[in-house]
Protein backbone atom coordinates (compact mmCIF):
# COMPACT_ATOMS: atom_id res chain seq x y z
CA MET A 1 -3.17 -23.72 -30.97
CA LYS A 2 -6.13 -21.50 -32.83
CA LYS A 3 -8.24 -22.81 -30.82
CA ILE A 4 -7.19 -22.51 -27.66
CA ILE A 5 -6.78 -19.11 -28.61
CA LEU A 6 -10.00 -18.65 -29.59
CA SER A 7 -11.50 -20.20 -26.55
CA LEU A 8 -9.43 -17.74 -24.39
CA GLY A 9 -10.41 -14.79 -26.33
CA ILE A 10 -14.28 -15.74 -25.67
CA ALA A 11 -13.74 -16.48 -22.20
CA ILE A 12 -12.26 -12.87 -21.68
CA LEU A 13 -14.91 -11.14 -23.48
CA LEU A 14 -17.72 -12.95 -21.62
CA LEU A 15 -15.90 -12.03 -18.48
CA ALA A 16 -16.12 -8.22 -19.49
CA ILE A 17 -19.68 -7.86 -20.53
CA SER A 18 -20.25 -9.77 -17.00
CA LEU A 19 -18.58 -7.55 -15.09
CA ARG A 20 -20.03 -4.43 -17.27
CA ALA A 21 -23.14 -5.52 -16.49
CA TYR A 22 -22.28 -6.08 -12.46
CA PHE A 23 -20.67 -2.67 -12.13
CA ALA A 24 -24.01 -1.04 -14.20
CA LEU A 25 -26.25 -2.37 -11.22
CA VAL A 26 -24.68 -2.58 -8.48
CA PRO A 27 -22.89 0.54 -6.93
CA PRO A 28 -19.58 0.67 -5.60
CA PRO A 29 -18.59 0.20 -1.54
CA GLN A 30 -18.58 3.50 0.59
CA ALA A 31 -15.46 5.13 1.40
CA THR A 32 -14.14 4.88 5.02
CA LEU A 33 -11.89 7.92 5.10
CA HIS A 34 -13.46 10.89 5.32
CA GLU A 35 -10.77 13.47 6.31
CA ALA A 36 -7.23 14.45 4.75
CA LEU A 37 -4.06 12.22 5.21
CA ALA A 38 -2.28 15.30 6.54
CA ASP A 39 -4.94 15.77 9.22
CA ILE A 40 -4.60 12.62 10.46
CA ILE A 41 -1.17 11.64 10.92
CA PRO A 42 1.04 13.64 13.17
CA SER A 43 2.40 17.37 11.87
CA LYS A 44 4.13 17.90 15.53
CA LEU A 45 5.79 15.60 17.95
CA SER A 46 8.03 16.88 20.62
CA GLY A 47 11.73 16.03 19.96
CA TRP A 48 10.83 15.59 16.14
CA LYS A 49 11.65 17.68 13.00
CA ILE A 50 9.06 16.79 10.78
CA LYS A 51 8.79 17.85 6.92
CA ASP A 52 6.15 17.09 4.44
CA MET A 53 7.66 16.65 0.94
CA ASP A 54 6.54 16.40 -2.62
CA MET A 55 5.00 13.64 -3.45
CA ALA A 56 7.29 13.44 -6.65
CA GLU A 57 10.05 13.39 -4.55
CA SER A 58 9.43 10.05 -2.92
CA PRO A 59 10.82 6.71 -4.71
CA GLU A 60 7.46 5.57 -6.00
CA SER A 61 6.31 8.82 -7.34
CA SER A 62 9.01 10.19 -9.49
CA ALA A 63 7.76 12.79 -11.10
CA ARG A 64 7.85 10.95 -14.41
CA ILE A 65 4.87 8.86 -12.99
CA SER A 66 3.48 10.82 -10.34
CA ASN A 67 0.61 11.90 -12.66
CA PHE A 68 -0.31 8.52 -13.48
CA LEU A 69 -1.11 7.08 -10.27
CA ASN A 70 -4.45 9.22 -9.90
CA PHE A 71 -5.04 8.87 -6.39
CA ASP A 72 -7.86 10.82 -4.10
CA ASP A 73 -5.16 11.77 -1.50
CA ALA A 74 -1.81 11.20 -0.56
CA ILE A 75 0.85 12.38 1.59
CA PHE A 76 4.75 12.00 2.26
CA ARG A 77 5.57 12.99 5.52
CA VAL A 78 9.10 12.68 6.99
CA PHE A 79 10.31 12.41 10.80
CA GLU A 80 13.58 13.17 12.11
CA LYS A 81 14.94 12.71 15.51
CA GLY A 82 18.65 12.80 15.79
CA ASP A 83 20.53 10.41 13.32
CA THR A 84 17.11 8.64 13.31
CA PHE A 85 14.81 8.98 10.23
CA VAL A 86 11.62 7.86 9.63
CA GLY A 87 9.83 7.96 6.02
CA LEU A 88 5.83 7.48 5.61
CA TYR A 89 4.00 7.79 2.64
CA ILE A 90 0.41 7.44 1.88
CA ALA A 91 -1.60 7.03 -1.22
CA TYR A 92 -5.37 6.75 -1.30
CA TRP A 93 -7.78 5.87 -3.97
CA SER A 94 -11.31 5.84 -3.84
CA PRO A 95 -13.62 2.84 -4.32
CA GLY A 96 -13.51 1.83 -7.98
CA LYS A 97 -10.60 4.71 -8.78
CA ALA A 98 -7.86 2.47 -9.95
CA SER A 99 -7.20 -1.49 -10.47
CA TYR A 100 -5.79 -3.45 -7.79
CA ARG A 101 -2.77 -4.40 -10.21
CA TRP A 102 -2.24 -0.24 -10.94
CA ALA A 103 -2.06 0.73 -7.52
CA GLY A 104 0.04 -2.02 -6.22
CA ALA A 105 2.52 -1.59 -9.38
CA HIS A 106 4.66 1.17 -7.37
CA THR A 107 5.66 -1.28 -4.61
CA PRO A 108 9.54 -0.86 -3.32
CA ASP A 109 10.17 -4.23 -5.29
CA THR A 110 9.26 -2.05 -8.28
CA CYS A 111 9.63 1.81 -8.42
CA TRP A 112 12.65 1.70 -5.66
CA VAL A 113 14.60 -0.84 -7.80
CA GLN A 114 13.56 1.09 -11.08
CA ASN A 115 15.26 4.35 -9.16
CA GLY A 116 18.53 2.56 -8.51
CA TRP A 117 17.79 1.40 -5.21
CA THR A 118 19.09 -2.45 -4.53
CA ARG A 119 16.78 -4.79 -2.38
CA ILE A 120 18.72 -6.84 0.00
CA ASP A 121 16.09 -8.99 2.33
CA ARG A 122 12.85 -9.28 1.18
CA LYS A 123 9.86 -11.08 3.58
CA TYR A 124 5.99 -11.48 2.81
CA SER A 125 3.03 -10.83 5.26
CA VAL A 126 5.23 -10.00 8.26
CA PRO A 127 3.20 -10.33 11.84
CA PHE A 128 2.85 -6.52 12.85
CA GLN A 129 1.30 -5.82 16.43
CA HIS A 130 0.75 -2.46 18.28
CA LYS A 131 -0.26 -1.85 21.55
CA GLY A 132 -1.69 -4.88 21.62
CA ASP A 133 -3.27 -4.88 18.08
CA GLN A 134 -2.70 -6.92 15.11
CA PHE A 135 -2.41 -4.55 12.25
CA GLN A 136 -2.68 -6.06 8.55
CA PRO A 137 0.29 -8.57 7.84
CA ALA A 138 3.41 -6.14 6.29
CA GLU A 139 5.42 -6.74 3.26
CA PHE A 140 9.11 -6.14 4.59
CA GLY A 141 12.21 -5.63 2.42
CA ILE A 142 15.75 -3.80 2.99
CA TYR A 143 16.80 -1.35 0.09
CA GLU A 144 20.15 0.03 -0.25
CA LYS A 145 21.27 3.14 -2.44
CA SER A 146 24.24 5.02 -2.34
CA GLY A 147 25.45 3.68 1.47
CA ASN A 148 22.04 4.40 2.58
CA ALA A 149 20.48 1.08 3.61
CA GLN A 150 16.18 1.54 4.75
CA LYS A 151 14.13 -0.72 6.37
CA VAL A 152 10.42 -0.75 4.75
CA TYR A 153 7.42 -2.12 5.85
CA PHE A 154 4.63 -1.68 3.19
CA TRP A 155 1.10 -2.63 3.24
CA HIS A 156 -1.14 -2.49 0.10
CA LEU A 157 -4.90 -2.39 1.54
CA VAL A 158 -7.65 -3.27 -0.52
CA GLY A 159 -10.93 -3.16 0.79
CA GLY A 160 -9.15 -3.02 4.66
CA ALA A 161 -7.84 -6.27 3.85
CA ALA A 162 -3.46 -6.61 3.38
CA PHE A 163 -3.01 -7.68 -0.41
CA GLY A 164 -0.40 -9.66 -0.43
CA TYR A 165 2.30 -10.39 -3.06
CA GLU A 166 4.26 -13.80 -2.42
CA GLN A 167 3.33 -15.46 -6.02
CA GLN A 168 0.49 -13.29 -7.27
CA GLY A 169 -0.04 -13.13 -10.92
CA GLY A 170 1.11 -10.42 -13.07
CA HIS A 171 -0.49 -7.69 -14.80
CA ASN A 172 -2.54 -9.69 -17.19
CA ILE A 173 -5.68 -11.81 -17.29
CA LEU A 174 -4.27 -14.65 -14.90
CA GLY A 175 -3.26 -11.40 -12.36
CA ALA A 176 -7.49 -10.08 -13.23
CA LEU A 177 -8.63 -13.61 -12.47
CA LEU A 178 -7.05 -14.20 -9.12
CA ASP A 179 -8.12 -10.48 -7.88
CA ILE A 180 -11.76 -12.46 -8.74
CA LYS A 181 -10.61 -15.23 -6.93
CA HIS A 182 -9.69 -13.08 -3.62
CA HIS A 183 -11.91 -10.17 -3.76
CA GLY A 184 -15.10 -11.60 -5.83
CA PHE A 185 -16.85 -9.42 -9.23
CA ASP A 186 -16.74 -6.36 -7.46
CA LEU A 187 -13.44 -5.38 -8.24
CA ARG A 188 -14.08 -1.68 -6.73
CA GLN A 189 -12.85 -1.47 -3.15
CA GLU A 190 -11.10 1.52 -1.97
CA GLN A 191 -7.28 1.27 -1.29
CA PHE A 192 -4.36 2.22 0.76
CA PHE A 193 -0.79 1.85 -0.22
CA ILE A 194 1.63 2.68 3.01
CA ARG A 195 5.04 2.50 3.26
CA LEU A 196 6.74 2.99 6.45
CA SER A 197 10.80 3.23 5.79
CA SER A 198 13.60 4.03 8.29
CA ASN A 199 17.17 3.90 8.74
CA GLN A 200 16.68 2.45 12.29
CA ASN A 201 15.31 -1.43 13.26
CA MET A 202 11.56 -1.41 14.39
CA ASP A 203 12.75 -2.50 18.01
CA ASP A 204 14.83 0.66 18.11
CA LEU A 205 12.14 2.97 16.66
CA LEU A 206 9.40 1.65 19.53
CA ARG A 207 11.74 2.73 21.87
CA LEU A 208 11.97 6.16 20.51
CA SER A 209 9.71 8.41 22.36
CA GLY A 210 6.72 9.77 19.63
CA PHE A 211 6.80 7.12 17.28
CA ASP A 212 4.04 5.35 18.73
CA GLN A 213 1.99 8.59 17.43
CA ILE A 214 2.55 7.90 13.84
CA LEU A 215 1.71 3.99 14.55
CA ASP A 216 -1.66 5.50 16.38
CA SER A 217 -2.18 7.46 12.96
CA LEU A 218 -2.09 4.71 10.98
CA SER A 219 -4.70 2.44 13.36
CA THR A 220 -6.80 5.49 12.66
CA ILE A 221 -6.97 4.61 8.95
CA GLY A 222 -7.75 0.90 9.03
CA LEU A 223 -4.66 -0.99 9.25
CA VAL A 224 -5.41 -2.73 12.36
CA ASP A 225 -6.71 -6.37 11.30
CA ALA A 226 -10.21 -5.77 12.19
CA THR A 227 -10.97 -9.53 11.65
CA GLU A 228 -7.87 -10.48 14.63
CA SER A 229 -9.49 -7.54 16.89
CA SER A 230 -12.74 -9.17 16.91
CA ALA A 231 -11.80 -12.75 17.74
CA ARG A 232 -10.05 -11.88 20.91
């Protein structure tokens, strides 16, 4: 057992030295976000009431953790039309700002549940299309609190690609090794965490005038799957 622990320690040390040398020699990728999220996401839609909420009021960013998320830009914008509620939460980290594991730790499965929500359904890598464009696969869940059920689609984009959450490694050395397997040694890609939640089903939302403009804005920040678009 001692030999195994020693070998693991040496492997971790060598990995850390290798990564430090790599980061010192190779610059991080260029950022793709060059405009404030508040200017990209619709602030006016005919027939909709729109309100910007404080990030600390979202389940992901409760006051006790909002200062630790360390994002470069973020928005929590609420859209209401009649009895329909749509909440759009986006957090952005520039290349090298946060680890993938840390940025992805405030999914609804973690933060919503810790804030008193109950997860009653969960699906992984759900296909999502908009105006003929294939979006990155979405994570989907239904969460309920005090009789209020929210249908939630969310994406964690790492370097423009969706980071899937089914059978992922935890916040440990195994998780870090999985990150290297999927993304290579350069673990400094920019990241978006996008959450679209509503009390209505997606089919009903798509029939509402103006909702397509919300999805258009998500296309603008890179939610369209470039690999699928180029294949057509």
